[in-house]
C-alpha atoms as a PDB file:
ATOM      1  CA  MET A   1       0.250  -0.137   0.026  1.00  0.00           C
ATOM      2  CA  LYS A   2       1.439   3.050  -0.430  1.00  0.00           C
ATOM      3  CA  ALA A   3       1.523   5.643   2.385  1.00  0.00           C
ATOM      4  CA  SER A   4       2.380   8.803   3.064  1.00  0.00           C
ATOM      5  CA  PRO A   5       5.064   9.590   6.464  1.00  0.00           C
ATOM      6  CA  HIS A   6       1.971  11.235   8.518  1.00  0.00           C
ATOM      7  CA  ASP A   7       0.688   8.037   8.242  1.00  0.00           C
ATOM      8  CA  LEU A   8       3.952   6.486  10.161  1.00  0.00           C
ATOM      9  CA  VAL A   9       2.327   7.495  12.951  1.00  0.00           C
ATOM     10  CA  PRO A  10       1.882   5.110  16.317  1.00  0.00           C
ATOM     11  CA  GLY A  11      -1.675   3.459  16.307  1.00  0.00           C
ATOM     12  CA  SER A  12      -2.409   4.908  13.337  1.00  0.00           C
ATOM     13  CA  LYS A  13      -4.611   2.191  10.724  1.00  0.00           C
ATOM     14  CA  ALA A  14      -1.884   2.344   8.357  1.00  0.00           C
ATOM     15  CA  LEU A  15       0.566   0.362  10.788  1.00  0.00           C
ATOM     16  CA  THR A  16      -2.016  -1.324  12.076  1.00  0.00           C
ATOM     17  CA  GLN A  17      -2.448  -3.177   8.727  1.00  0.00           C
ATOM     18  CA  ALA A  18       0.844  -3.653   7.962  1.00  0.00           C
ATOM     19  CA  ARG A  19       3.684  -4.558   9.830  1.00  0.00           C
ATOM     20  CA  CYS A  20       6.275  -4.113   7.140  1.00  0.00           C
ATOM     21  CA  VAL A  21       7.555  -0.640   6.104  1.00  0.00           C
ATOM     22  CA  LEU A  22       9.548   0.098   3.378  1.00  0.00           C
ATOM     23  CA  LEU A  23      11.159   3.678   2.827  1.00  0.00           C
ATOM     24  CA  PHE A  24      12.671   4.977  -0.366  1.00  0.00           C
ATOM     25  CA  GLY A  25      13.509   8.295  -2.094  1.00  0.00           C
ATOM     26  CA  SER A  26      15.426  10.654  -2.688  1.00  0.00           C
ATOM     27  CA  ASN A  27      15.731  12.437   1.209  1.00  0.00           C
ATOM     28  CA  PRO A  28      18.157  10.337   3.055  1.00  0.00           C
ATOM     29  CA  SER A  29      17.296  12.940   6.054  1.00  0.00           C
ATOM     30  CA  LEU A  30      13.605  12.376   6.412  1.00  0.00           C
ATOM     31  CA  GLY A  31      14.130   8.660   5.606  1.00  0.00           C
ATOM     32  CA  GLU A  32      16.331   8.437   8.483  1.00  0.00           C
ATOM     33  CA  ALA A  33      13.932  10.622  10.614  1.00  0.00           C
ATOM     34  CA  LEU A  34      11.439   8.109   9.961  1.00  0.00           C
ATOM     35  CA  LYS A  35      12.956   4.923  10.368  1.00  0.00           C
ATOM     36  CA  ASP A  36      14.247   6.268  13.996  1.00  0.00           C
ATOM     37  CA  GLY A  37      10.420   6.825  15.061  1.00  0.00           C
ATOM     38  CA  LEU A  38       9.527   4.203  13.940  1.00  0.00           C
ATOM     39  CA  LEU A  39      12.058   2.195  15.730  1.00  0.00           C
ATOM     40  CA  SER A  40      12.117   3.947  18.782  1.00  0.00           C
ATOM     41  CA  ASP A  41       8.122   3.661  19.206  1.00  0.00           C
ATOM     42  CA  PHE A  42       7.974   0.287  18.957  1.00  0.00           C
ATOM     43  CA  ALA A  43      10.620  -1.292  20.895  1.00  0.00           C
ATOM     44  CA  ALA A  44      13.660  -0.947  22.885  1.00  0.00           C
ATOM     45  CA  GLU A  45      17.004  -0.317  21.145  1.00  0.00           C
ATOM     46  CA  GLU A  46      17.914  -3.957  22.943  1.00  0.00           C
ATOM     47  CA  GLU A  47      14.820  -5.605  20.902  1.00  0.00           C
ATOM     48  CA  THR A  48      15.781  -4.196  17.524  1.00  0.00           C
ATOM     49  CA  ARG A  49      18.119  -6.122  14.829  1.00  0.00           C
ATOM     50  CA  VAL A  50      19.730  -5.158  12.299  1.00  0.00           C
ATOM     51  CA  PHE A  51      20.759  -6.642   9.248  1.00  0.00           C
ATOM     52  CA  ALA A  52      22.652  -6.528   6.089  1.00  0.00           C
ATOM     53  CA  ALA A  53      20.910  -6.657   2.215  1.00  0.00           C
ATOM     54  CA  ALA A  54      24.060  -8.979   2.117  1.00  0.00           C
ATOM     55  CA  ASP A  55      22.937 -11.456   4.655  1.00  0.00           C
ATOM     56  CA  LEU A  56      19.377 -11.553   3.412  1.00  0.00           C
ATOM     57  CA  ARG A  57      20.600 -12.539  -0.346  1.00  0.00           C
ATOM     58  CA  LYS A  58      22.735 -15.339   1.173  1.00  0.00           C
ATOM     59  CA  GLN A  59      20.434 -17.115   3.584  1.00  0.00           C
ATOM     60  CA  PRO A  60      17.101 -15.551   3.175  1.00  0.00           C
ATOM     61  CA  GLY A  61      15.620 -18.769   4.996  1.00  0.00           C
ATOM     62  CA  ALA A  62      17.539 -17.856   8.216  1.00  0.00           C
ATOM     63  CA  PHE A  63      16.283 -14.124   8.042  1.00  0.00           C
ATOM     64  CA  LEU A  64      12.738 -15.328   7.814  1.00  0.00           C
ATOM     65  CA  ASP A  65      13.248 -18.060  10.201  1.00  0.00           C
ATOM     66  CA  GLY A  66      14.480 -15.603  12.702  1.00  0.00           C
ATOM     67  CA  LEU A  67      12.051 -12.866  11.728  1.00  0.00           C
ATOM     68  CA  ALA A  68       9.277 -14.624  13.183  1.00  0.00           C
ATOM     69  CA  ASP A  69      11.010 -16.007  16.662  1.00  0.00           C
ATOM     70  CA  MET A  70      13.494 -14.019  17.788  1.00  0.00           C
ATOM     71  CA  GLY A  71      13.391 -14.910  21.570  1.00  0.00           C
ATOM     72  CA  LEU A  72      11.516 -16.030  24.402  1.00  0.00           C
ATOM     73  CA  PHE A  73      11.444 -13.121  26.453  1.00  0.00           C
ATOM     74  CA  ALA A  74      10.737  -9.465  24.750  1.00  0.00           C
ATOM     75  CA  SER A  75       6.911  -9.003  23.721  1.00  0.00           C
ATOM     76  CA  ARG A  76       7.806  -6.285  20.607  1.00  0.00           C
ATOM     77  CA  GLN A  77      10.344  -6.574  18.699  1.00  0.00           C
ATOM     78  CA  ALA A  78      11.733  -5.131  15.211  1.00  0.00           C
ATOM     79  CA  SER A  79      13.984  -5.267  12.721  1.00  0.00           C
ATOM     80  CA  LEU A  80      15.598  -2.962  10.444  1.00  0.00           C
ATOM     81  CA  VAL A  81      16.966  -4.180   7.006  1.00  0.00           C
ATOM     82  CA  LYS A  82      19.546  -1.459   5.206  1.00  0.00           C
ATOM     83  CA  GLU A  83      20.033  -0.957   1.533  1.00  0.00           C
ATOM     84  CA  ALA A  84      17.185  -3.034   0.720  1.00  0.00           C
ATOM     85  CA  SER A  85      17.197  -3.863  -3.190  1.00  0.00           C
ATOM     86  CA  ASP A  86      14.901  -5.821  -5.766  1.00  0.00           C
ATOM     87  CA  ALA A  87      17.255  -8.740  -5.095  1.00  0.00           C
ATOM     88  CA  LEU A  88      15.028  -9.015  -1.889  1.00  0.00           C
ATOM     89  CA  THR A  89      11.598  -8.587  -3.368  1.00  0.00           C
ATOM     90  CA  LYS A  90      10.708 -12.490  -2.768  1.00  0.00           C
ATOM     91  CA  THR A  91      12.072 -12.580   0.486  1.00  0.00           C
ATOM     92  CA  ILE A  92      10.195  -9.066   1.704  1.00  0.00           C
ATOM     93  CA  GLU A  93       7.152 -10.250   0.323  1.00  0.00           C
ATOM     94  CA  GLN A  94       7.280 -13.865   2.366  1.00  0.00           C
ATOM     95  CA  ALA A  95       8.434 -11.616   5.216  1.00  0.00           C
ATOM     96  CA  ALA A  96       5.353  -8.825   5.463  1.00  0.00           C
ATOM     97  CA  GLU A  97       3.122 -12.325   5.078  1.00  0.00           C
ATOM     98  CA  ALA A  98       4.162 -13.598   8.219  1.00  0.00           C
ATOM     99  CA  LEU A  99       4.122 -10.396   9.862  1.00  0.00           C
ATOM    100  CA  ALA A 100       0.611  -9.932   8.661  1.00  0.00           C
ATOM    101  CA  GLY A 101      -1.901  -9.732  11.696  1.00  0.00           C
ATOM    102  CA  ARG A 102       1.057  -9.954  14.309  1.00  0.00           C
ATOM    103  CA  ASP A 103       1.317  -6.777  16.315  1.00  0.00           C
ATOM    104  CA  ASP A 104       4.692  -7.773  18.267  1.00  0.00           C
ATOM    105  CA  ARG A 105       7.068  -7.792  15.302  1.00  0.00           C
ATOM    106  CA  LEU A 106       7.675  -4.769  13.016  1.00  0.00           C
ATOM    107  CA  LEU A 107      10.245  -5.186   9.921  1.00  0.00           C
ATOM    108  CA  VAL A 108      11.507  -1.791   8.507  1.00  0.00           C
ATOM    109  CA  LEU A 109      13.517  -1.223   5.036  1.00  0.00           C
ATOM    110  CA  GLN A 110      15.965   1.149   3.928  1.00  0.00           C
ATOM    111  CA  ALA A 111      16.407   1.711   0.188  1.00  0.00           C
ATOM    112  CA  GLY A 112      17.602   4.216  -1.883  1.00  0.00           C
ATOM    113  CA  GLY A 113      15.730   5.877  -4.513  1.00  0.00           C
ATOM    114  CA  LEU A 114      13.929   3.324  -6.430  1.00  0.00           C
ATOM    115  CA  GLY A 115      11.965   4.620  -9.708  1.00  0.00           C
ATOM    116  CA  ALA A 116       8.801   3.303 -10.602  1.00  0.00           C
ATOM    117  CA  ALA A 117       9.752   0.359 -12.370  1.00  0.00           C
ATOM    118  CA  SER A 118      11.573  -1.214  -8.935  1.00  0.00           C
ATOM    119  CA  LYS A 119      10.385  -4.745  -8.206  1.00  0.00           C
ATOM    120  CA  LEU A 120      10.205  -3.955  -4.645  1.00  0.00           C
ATOM    121  CA  ARG A 121       8.560  -1.170  -5.019  1.00  0.00           C
ATOM    122  CA  LYS A 122       5.743  -2.543  -6.412  1.00  0.00           C
ATOM    123  CA  ALA A 123       5.277  -5.037  -4.608  1.00  0.00           C
ATOM    124  CA  ALA A 124       5.142  -3.058  -1.114  1.00  0.00           C
ATOM    125  CA  GLU A 125       2.493  -0.724  -3.472  1.00  0.00           C
ATOM    126  CA  ALA A 126       0.525  -3.732  -4.199  1.00  0.00           C
ATOM    127  CA  SER A 127       0.608  -5.784  -1.014  1.00  0.00           C
ATOM    128  CA  ARG A 128      -1.974  -5.115   1.818  1.00  0.00           C
ATOM    129  CA  HIS A 129       0.811  -6.275   4.196  1.00  0.00           C
ATOM    130  CA  MET A 130       3.380  -3.702   3.540  1.00  0.00           C
ATOM    131  CA  LEU A 131       3.440   0.522   3.481  1.00  0.00           C
ATOM    132  CA  ALA A 132       5.432   1.961   0.444  1.00  0.00           C
ATOM    133  CA  VAL A 133       6.599   5.507   1.994  1.00  0.00           C
ATOM    134  CA  ALA A 134       8.131   7.989  -0.533  1.00  0.00           C
ATOM    135  CA  CYS A 135      10.518  10.166   1.116  1.00  0.00           C
ATOM    136  CA  TYR A 136      11.363  12.957  -1.182  1.00  0.00           C
ATOM    137  CA  GLU A 137      11.778  16.772   0.017  1.00  0.00           C
ATOM    138  CA  GLU A 138       8.392  18.289   1.829  1.00  0.00           C
ATOM    139  CA  SER A 139       6.582  21.140   1.340  1.00  0.00           C
ATOM    140  CA  PRO A 140       6.416  23.842   3.861  1.00  0.00           C
ATOM    141  CA  GLU A 141       3.175  23.214   4.973  1.00  0.00           C
ATOM    142  CA  SER A 142       4.209  19.183   5.792  1.00  0.00           C
ATOM    143  CA  ILE A 143       7.058  20.722   8.174  1.00  0.00           C
ATOM    144  CA  VAL A 144       4.565  22.638   9.849  1.00  0.00           C
ATOM    145  CA  ALA A 145       2.107  19.920  10.456  1.00  0.00           C
ATOM    146  CA  PHE A 146       5.079  17.601  11.417  1.00  0.00           C
ATOM    147  CA  ILE A 147       6.249  19.936  14.003  1.00  0.00           C
ATOM    148  CA  LYS A 148       2.734  20.320  15.646  1.00  0.00           C
ATOM    149  CA  GLN A 149       2.354  16.786  15.247  1.00  0.00           C
ATOM    150  CA  GLU A 150       5.773  15.903  17.372  1.00  0.00           C
ATOM    151  CA  ALA A 151       5.141  18.670  19.912  1.00  0.00           C
ATOM    152  CA  GLY A 152       1.457  17.285  20.576  1.00  0.00           C
ATOM    153  CA  GLN A 153       2.530  13.256  20.645  1.00  0.00           C
ATOM    154  CA  ARG A 154       5.812  13.587  22.347  1.00  0.00           C
ATOM    155  CA  TYR A 155       5.923  16.995  24.817  1.00  0.00           C
ATOM    156  CA  ASN A 156       1.439  17.058  25.112  1.00  0.00           C
ATOM    157  CA  ARG A 157       2.251  20.565  23.688  1.00  0.00           C
ATOM    158  CA  GLN A 158      -0.284  22.520  21.360  1.00  0.00           C
ATOM    159  CA  LEU A 159       2.159  24.655  18.655  1.00  0.00           C
ATOM    160  CA  SER A 160       0.035  27.418  17.007  1.00  0.00           C
ATOM    161  CA  ASP A 161       0.922  28.201  13.115  1.00  0.00           C
ATOM    162  CA  ALA A 162       3.195  30.697  14.038  1.00  0.00           C
ATOM    163  CA  ALA A 163       5.232  28.885  16.427  1.00  0.00           C
ATOM    164  CA  ALA A 164       5.677  25.925  14.178  1.00  0.00           C
ATOM    165  CA  GLN A 165       6.953  28.153  11.774  1.00  0.00           C
ATOM    166  CA  SER A 166       9.134  30.497  14.039  1.00  0.00           C
ATOM    167  CA  LEU A 167      10.861  26.986  15.152  1.00  0.00           C
ATOM    168  CA  ARG A 168      11.290  25.679  11.424  1.00  0.00           C
ATOM    169  CA  ALA A 169      12.654  28.970  10.473  1.00  0.00           C
ATOM    170  CA  LEU A 170      15.550  28.631  13.211  1.00  0.00           C
ATOM    171  CA  VAL A 171      16.208  25.080  12.248  1.00  0.00           C
ATOM    172  CA  GLY A 172      15.311  24.052   9.200  1.00  0.00           C
ATOM    173  CA  ASP A 173      13.497  21.223   7.717  1.00  0.00           C
ATOM    174  CA  ASP A 174      15.386  18.282   8.589  1.00  0.00           C
ATOM    175  CA  ARG A 175      13.283  15.783  10.471  1.00  0.00           C
ATOM    176  CA  LEU A 176      15.914  15.007  13.221  1.00  0.00           C
ATOM    177  CA  LEU A 177      17.222  18.538  14.274  1.00  0.00           C
ATOM    178  CA  ILE A 178      13.439  19.323  14.692  1.00  0.00           C
ATOM    179  CA  ARG A 179      13.153  16.434  17.245  1.00  0.00           C
ATOM    180  CA  SER A 180      16.182  17.753  19.319  1.00  0.00           C
ATOM    181  CA  ALA A 181      15.169  20.956  18.548  1.00  0.00           C
ATOM    182  CA  LEU A 182      11.984  20.405  20.376  1.00  0.00           C
ATOM    183  CA  ALA A 183      13.222  18.565  22.588  1.00  0.00           C
ATOM    184  CA  SER A 184      15.343  21.774  23.789  1.00  0.00           C
ATOM    185  CA  CYS A 185      12.440  24.058  23.714  1.00  0.00           C
ATOM    186  CA  ASP A 186       9.690  21.751  26.010  1.00  0.00           C
ATOM    187  CA  LEU A 187      12.813  21.702  28.581  1.00  0.00           C
ATOM    188  CA  TYR A 188      13.660  25.363  28.004  1.00  0.00           C
ATOM    189  CA  ALA A 189       9.721  26.509  28.787  1.00  0.00           C
ATOM    190  CA  LEU A 190       9.265  23.865  32.207  1.00  0.00           C
ATOM    191  CA  ASP A 191       5.848  24.609  33.751  1.00  0.00           C
ATOM    192  CA  GLU A 192       4.979  27.284  30.694  1.00  0.00           C
ATOM    193  CA  PRO A 193       1.568  26.063  29.079  1.00  0.00           C
ATOM    194  CA  ASP A 194       2.540  27.626  25.255  1.00  0.00           C
ATOM    195  CA  LEU A 195       5.688  27.173  23.403  1.00  0.00           C
ATOM    196  CA  THR A 196       5.014  30.493  21.672  1.00  0.00           C
ATOM    197  CA  PRO A 197       6.907  31.834  19.234  1.00  0.00           C
ATOM    198  CA  GLU A 198       9.185  33.990  21.977  1.00  0.00           C
ATOM    199  CA  LEU A 199       9.827  30.941  23.879  1.00  0.00           C
ATOM    200  CA  ILE A 200      11.061  29.037  20.980  1.00  0.00           C
ATOM    201  CA  GLU A 201      13.624  31.827  19.625  1.00  0.00           C
ATOM    202  CA  ALA A 202      14.712  32.685  23.199  1.00  0.00           C
ATOM    203  CA  CYS A 203      15.471  28.939  23.610  1.00  0.00           C
ATOM    204  CA  LEU A 204      16.920  28.352  20.141  1.00  0.00           C
ATOM    205  CA  VAL A 205      19.072  31.438  19.083  1.00  0.00           C
ATOM    206  CA  SER A 206      21.515  30.970  22.358  1.00  0.00           C
ATOM    207  CA  THR A 207      24.720  30.413  23.574  1.00  0.00           C
ATOM    208  CA  ALA A 208      24.391  26.832  22.117  1.00  0.00           C
ATOM    209  CA  ALA A 209      22.839  27.821  18.947  1.00  0.00           C
ATOM    210  CA  SER A 210      25.783  29.940  18.176  1.00  0.00           C
ATOM    211  CA  SER A 211      28.677  27.723  19.168  1.00  0.00           C
ATOM    212  CA  LEU A 212      27.074  25.189  16.723  1.00  0.00           C
ATOM    213  CA  ASP A 213      27.209  27.883  13.586  1.00  0.00           C
ATOM    214  CA  GLN A 214      30.979  28.686  15.057  1.00  0.00           C
ATOM    215  CA  ALA A 215      31.843  25.148  14.725  1.00  0.00           C
ATOM    216  CA  LEU A 216      29.903  24.294  11.273  1.00  0.00           C
ATOM    217  CA  GLN A 217      31.109  27.464   9.941  1.00  0.00           C
ATOM    218  CA  ALA A 218      35.022  26.337  10.892  1.00  0.00           C
ATOM    219  CA  THR A 219      34.592  23.168   9.672  1.00  0.00           C
ATOM    220  CA  PHE A 220      33.395  24.356   5.711  1.00  0.00           C
ATOM    221  CA  ASP A 221      35.949  27.519   6.207  1.00  0.00           C
ATOM    222  CA  GLY A 222      38.433  24.779   6.459  1.00  0.00           C
ATOM    223  CA  ARG A 223      39.867  26.203   9.489  1.00  0.00           C
ATOM    224  CA  PRO A 224      41.339  23.106  11.792  1.00  0.00           C
ATOM    225  CA  ASP A 225      42.736  24.952  14.155  1.00  0.00           C
ATOM    226  CA  THR A 226      39.261  27.654  14.927  1.00  0.00           C
ATOM    227  CA  LEU A 227      37.320  24.281  14.766  1.00  0.00           C
ATOM    228  CA  ALA A 228      39.015  22.757  17.640  1.00  0.00           C
ATOM    229  CA  ALA A 229      38.497  25.914  19.871  1.00  0.00           C
ATOM    230  CA  ALA A 230      35.000  26.194  18.713  1.00  0.00           C
ATOM    231  CA  LEU A 231      34.246  22.548  19.303  1.00  0.00           C
ATOM    232  CA  GLY A 232      35.821  22.872  22.942  1.00  0.00           C
ATOM    233  CA  ARG A 233      33.416  26.119  23.569  1.00  0.00           C
ATOM    234  CA  PHE A 234      30.388  23.255  21.955  1.00  0.00           C
ATOM    235  CA  GLU A 235      27.637  23.259  24.404  1.00  0.00           C
ATOM    236  CA  GLY A 236      25.001  21.425  22.523  1.00  0.00           C
ATOM    237  CA  ASP A 237      24.252  18.136  21.451  1.00  0.00           C
ATOM    238  CA  ALA A 238      27.094  16.594  19.696  1.00  0.00           C
ATOM    239  CA  SER A 239      24.748  14.509  16.453  1.00  0.00           C
ATOM    240  CA  GLY A 240      22.637  17.574  16.301  1.00  0.00           C
ATOM    241  CA  LEU A 241      25.654  19.303  15.503  1.00  0.00           C
ATOM    242  CA  LEU A 242      26.543  16.114  12.890  1.00  0.00           C
ATOM    243  CA  ILE A 243      23.674  16.684  11.335  1.00  0.00           C
ATOM    244  CA  ALA A 244      23.521  19.881  10.615  1.00  0.00           C
ATOM    245  CA  CYS A 245      26.858  20.041   8.781  1.00  0.00           C
ATOM    246  CA  GLN A 246      25.921  17.276   6.845  1.00  0.00           C
ATOM    247  CA  ARG A 247      22.481  18.813   5.581  1.00  0.00           C
ATOM    248  CA  HIS A 248      24.962  21.922   5.212  1.00  0.00           C
ATOM    249  CA  ALA A 249      27.305  20.497   2.759  1.00  0.00           C
ATOM    250  CA  LEU A 250      24.583  18.805   0.777  1.00  0.00           C
ATOM    251  CA  ARG A 251      22.820  22.138   0.573  1.00  0.00           C
ATOM    252  CA  LEU A 252      26.388  23.744  -0.956  1.00  0.00           C
ATOM    253  CA  ALA A 253      27.032  20.675  -3.439  1.00  0.00           C
ATOM    254  CA  GLN A 254      23.055  21.736  -4.424  1.00  0.00           C
ATOM    255  CA  VAL A 255      23.979  25.444  -5.050  1.00  0.00           C
ATOM    256  CA  ARG A 256      27.393  24.492  -6.422  1.00  0.00           C
ATOM    257  CA  ALA A 257      26.236  22.449  -9.246  1.00  0.00           C
ATOM    258  CA  GLY A 258      23.185  24.903 -10.061  1.00  0.00           C
ATOM    259  CA  LEU A 259      26.191  27.266 -10.461  1.00  0.00           C
ATOM    260  CA  ASP A 260      28.654  25.712 -12.641  1.00  0.00           C
ATOM    261  CA  GLY A 261      25.647  24.825 -14.788  1.00  0.00           C
ATOM    262  CA  GLY A 262      24.914  28.222 -15.744  1.00  0.00           C
ATOM    263  CA  GLY A 263      22.659  29.578 -12.507  1.00  0.00           C
ATOM    264  CA  ALA A 264      22.939  32.518 -10.579  1.00  0.00           C
ATOM    265  CA  LEU A 265      24.061  32.744  -7.267  1.00  0.00           C
ATOM    266  CA  ASP A 266      22.019  34.496  -5.609  1.00  0.00           C
ATOM    267  CA  GLY A 267      18.527  32.495  -7.585  1.00  0.00           C
ATOM    268  CA  LEU A 268      20.170  29.492  -6.162  1.00  0.00           C
ATOM    269  CA  MET A 269      19.976  30.492  -2.661  1.00  0.00           C
ATOM    270  CA  ALA A 270      16.930  31.696  -2.608  1.00  0.00           C
ATOM    271  CA  ARG A 271      15.364  28.895  -3.866  1.00  0.00           C
ATOM    272  CA  LEU A 272      16.931  27.069  -1.373  1.00  0.00           C
ATOM    273  CA  ARG A 273      13.811  25.520   1.241  1.00  0.00           C
ATOM    274  CA  PRO A 274      14.210  26.571   3.998  1.00  0.00           C
ATOM    275  CA  PRO A 275      15.920  29.655   2.416  1.00  0.00           C
ATOM    276  CA  VAL A 276      19.706  30.830   4.072  1.00  0.00           C
ATOM    277  CA  PHE A 277      19.481  32.202   6.845  1.00  0.00           C
ATOM    278  CA  TRP A 278      20.177  35.903   6.253  1.00  0.00           C
ATOM    279  CA  LYS A 279      23.242  35.961   8.924  1.00  0.00           C
ATOM    280  CA  GLN A 280      24.679  33.320   7.358  1.00  0.00           C
ATOM    281  CA  LYS A 281      24.590  34.205   3.506  1.00  0.00           C
ATOM    282  CA  ALA A 282      28.019  35.671   3.049  1.00  0.00           C
ATOM    283  CA  SER A 283      29.734  32.689   4.711  1.00  0.00           C
ATOM    284  CA  PHE A 284      27.567  30.312   2.235  1.00  0.00           C
ATOM    285  CA  SER A 285      28.209  32.099  -0.505  1.00  0.00           C
ATOM    286  CA  ALA A 286      31.629  32.530  -0.129  1.00  0.00           C
ATOM    287  CA  GLN A 287      31.866  28.275   0.855  1.00  0.00           C
ATOM    288  CA  VAL A 288      29.978  27.764  -2.112  1.00  0.00           C
ATOM    289  CA  ARG A 289      32.507  29.584  -4.101  1.00  0.00           C
ATOM    290  CA  ALA A 290      35.742  28.135  -2.429  1.00  0.00           C
ATOM    291  CA  TYR A 291      35.164  24.380  -3.955  1.00  0.00           C
ATOM    292  CA  PRO A 292      34.009  22.426  -6.621  1.00  0.00           C
ATOM    293  CA  ALA A 293      31.142  20.737  -6.964  1.00  0.00           C
ATOM    294  CA  SER A 294      32.910  17.121  -6.459  1.00  0.00           C
ATOM    295  CA  VAL A 295      34.767  17.907  -3.334  1.00  0.00           C
ATOM    296  CA  LEU A 296      30.950  19.074  -1.883  1.00  0.00           C
ATOM    297  CA  SER A 297      29.125  15.836  -2.903  1.00  0.00           C
ATOM    298  CA  ALA A 298      32.009  13.507  -1.774  1.00  0.00           C
ATOM    299  CA  VAL A 299      31.730  15.903   2.241  1.00  0.00           C
ATOM    300  CA  SER A 300      28.282  15.391   2.363  1.00  0.00           C
ATOM    301  CA  SER A 301      28.749  11.349   1.360  1.00  0.00           C
ATOM    302  CA  ALA A 302      31.461  11.568   4.082  1.00  0.00           C
ATOM    303  CA  LEU A 303      29.303  13.036   6.539  1.00  0.00           C
ATOM    304  CA  LEU A 304      26.468  10.871   6.147  1.00  0.00           C
ATOM    305  CA  GLU A 305      28.596   7.702   6.470  1.00  0.00           C
ATOM    306  CA  ALA A 306      29.669   9.396   9.994  1.00  0.00           C
ATOM    307  CA  SER A 307      26.139   9.544  11.187  1.00  0.00           C
ATOM    308  CA  TYR A 308      24.976   6.104  10.284  1.00  0.00           C
ATOM    309  CA  LYS A 309      28.024   4.988  11.888  1.00  0.00           C
ATOM    310  CA  ALA A 310      27.440   6.927  14.852  1.00  0.00           C
ATOM    311  CA  ARG A 311      23.708   5.294  15.343  1.00  0.00           C
ATOM    312  CA  ALA A 312      24.450   2.216  14.097  1.00  0.00           C
ATOM    313  CA  HIS A 313      28.034   1.373  16.243  1.00  0.00           C
ATOM    314  CA  HIS A 314      26.809   3.703  19.153  1.00  0.00           C
ATOM    315  CA  GLU A 315      28.943   6.079  18.105  1.00  0.00           C
ATOM    316  CA  SER A 316      27.385   9.074  19.102  1.00  0.00           C
ATOM    317  CA  GLY A 317      29.960  10.887  21.996  1.00  0.00           C
ATOM    318  CA  ALA A 318      31.470  14.350  20.953  1.00  0.00           C
ATOM    319  CA  ALA A 319      34.989  12.518  20.345  1.00  0.00           C
ATOM    320  CA  PHE A 320      33.689  10.593  17.241  1.00  0.00           C
ATOM    321  CA  ILE A 321      31.931  13.409  15.928  1.00  0.00           C
ATOM    322  CA  ALA A 322      34.702  15.902  16.761  1.00  0.00           C
ATOM    323  CA  GLN A 323      37.027  13.613  14.696  1.00  0.00           C
ATOM    324  CA  SER A 324      34.711  13.339  12.049  1.00  0.00           C
ATOM    325  CA  LEU A 325      34.267  17.190  11.789  1.00  0.00           C
ATOM    326  CA  MET A 326      38.295  18.066  11.705  1.00  0.00           C
ATOM    327  CA  SER A 327      38.456  15.365   9.251  1.00  0.00           C
ATOM    328  CA  VAL A 328      36.040  17.436   6.506  1.00  0.00           C
ATOM    329  CA  ALA A 329      37.843  20.599   8.391  1.00  0.00           C
ATOM    330  CA  GLN A 330      41.543  19.056   7.249  1.00  0.00           C
ATOM    331  CA  ARG A 331      40.482  18.183   3.699  1.00  0.00           C
ATOM    332  CA  LEU A 332      38.851  21.596   3.030  1.00  0.00           C
ATOM    333  CA  ALA A 333      41.929  23.240   4.139  1.00  0.00           C
ATOM    334  CA  ARG A 334      43.957  21.078   1.961  1.00  0.00           C
ATOM    335  CA  VAL A 335      41.777  22.132  -1.052  1.00  0.00           C
ATOM    336  CA  ARG A 336      41.925  25.973  -0.700  1.00  0.00           C
ATOM    337  CA  ALA A 337      45.731  25.625  -0.478  1.00  0.00           C
ATOM    338  CA  GLN A 338      45.995  23.396  -3.831  1.00  0.00           C
ATOM    339  CA  LEU A 339      43.360  25.490  -5.654  1.00  0.00           C
ATOM    340  CA  LYS A 340      45.437  28.692  -4.023  1.00  0.00           C
ATOM    341  CA  SER A 341      48.852  27.450  -5.637  1.00  0.00           C
ATOM    342  CA  GLN A 342      47.151  26.370  -8.872  1.00  0.00           C
ATOM    343  CA  SER A 343      45.679  30.289  -8.857  1.00  0.00           C
ATOM    344  CA  GLN A 344      49.008  31.788  -8.127  1.00  0.00           C
ATOM    345  CA  ALA A 345      50.484  29.339 -10.932  1.00  0.00           C
ATOM    346  CA  ARG A 346      48.861  30.898 -13.439  1.00  0.00           C
ATOM    347  CA  ARG A 347      49.098  34.379 -12.306  1.00  0.00           C
ATOM    348  CA  HIS A 348      52.941  34.009 -12.076  1.00  0.00           C
ATOM    349  CA  PRO A 349      53.960  31.451 -14.426  1.00  0.00           C
ATOM    350  CA  PRO A 350      57.543  30.273 -14.305  1.00  0.00           C
ATOM    351  CA  SER A 351      60.031  32.377 -16.698  1.00  0.00           C
ATOM    352  CA  ARG A 352      61.652  30.192 -19.348  1.00  0.00           C
END
């Protein structure tokens, strides 16, 4: 069955009918957030098993046997299959059939950008035991609705449209960052009955937010020494910083590709959703011009991989994330030095 991200809430009719969820599409951040929400809402971390697609291809029978009975004592258990592909279609269809009607099991499949001709996608969309959820760029209205839904379900707070829009303007459209921001705002508000736009701004435009921006800018300016100092002062959530940097790299790569294609920088930046915060426009445009699109794409991929490792291997500590960001800053510093050297060589060719 086709489903939308808004259908993936605890107790929804869609999740009651189907115990197998396929997440696919070109928005990895949304897919990751949906996956995290599904698994954390359904089962404890120790009651979740993670399978690689290669393991399923080698031993589909063992996977199906283990899926039905993964323990004697835990009442609710979840399974996650990473990098699901068309090669697993038959196995996944059998798994979805086996889980039909069970309220103690959940199977989540993470896939990339499956096209309309994908066998796995077609099977999920046609099956009444599977949910096919497309993860693409979301509209501003969808993001605002998500913010209000999260605030109500997780913190029992009813947000006005103005409050939700204020949070989106400060945080952006990344669902993982939104969840982190809502948690901070809930603690900041304490016994206040409402999360008003003023409370949200007071919470998020703070020393922690400032230290995050300082670390982010030092990373993409290619300044390892400045980054080390910024990380020493950083007061926020380290995983949130890593997500923010990955999102920033993706946006830089997107704009640089458009610039190389003949687009105007101001117009390309204006079309970003959400648009670049006015205080960051100068640094953003300088960083776009400073690095080739291939370098920015590689940095985005490296940060996404670091984010996956932080979750998969529980390496979400500040030391692991600091090392990942320092590696990026050092890489970009080398790129800057190489480009500067090449530019100087062109201006001052060796005399013959």
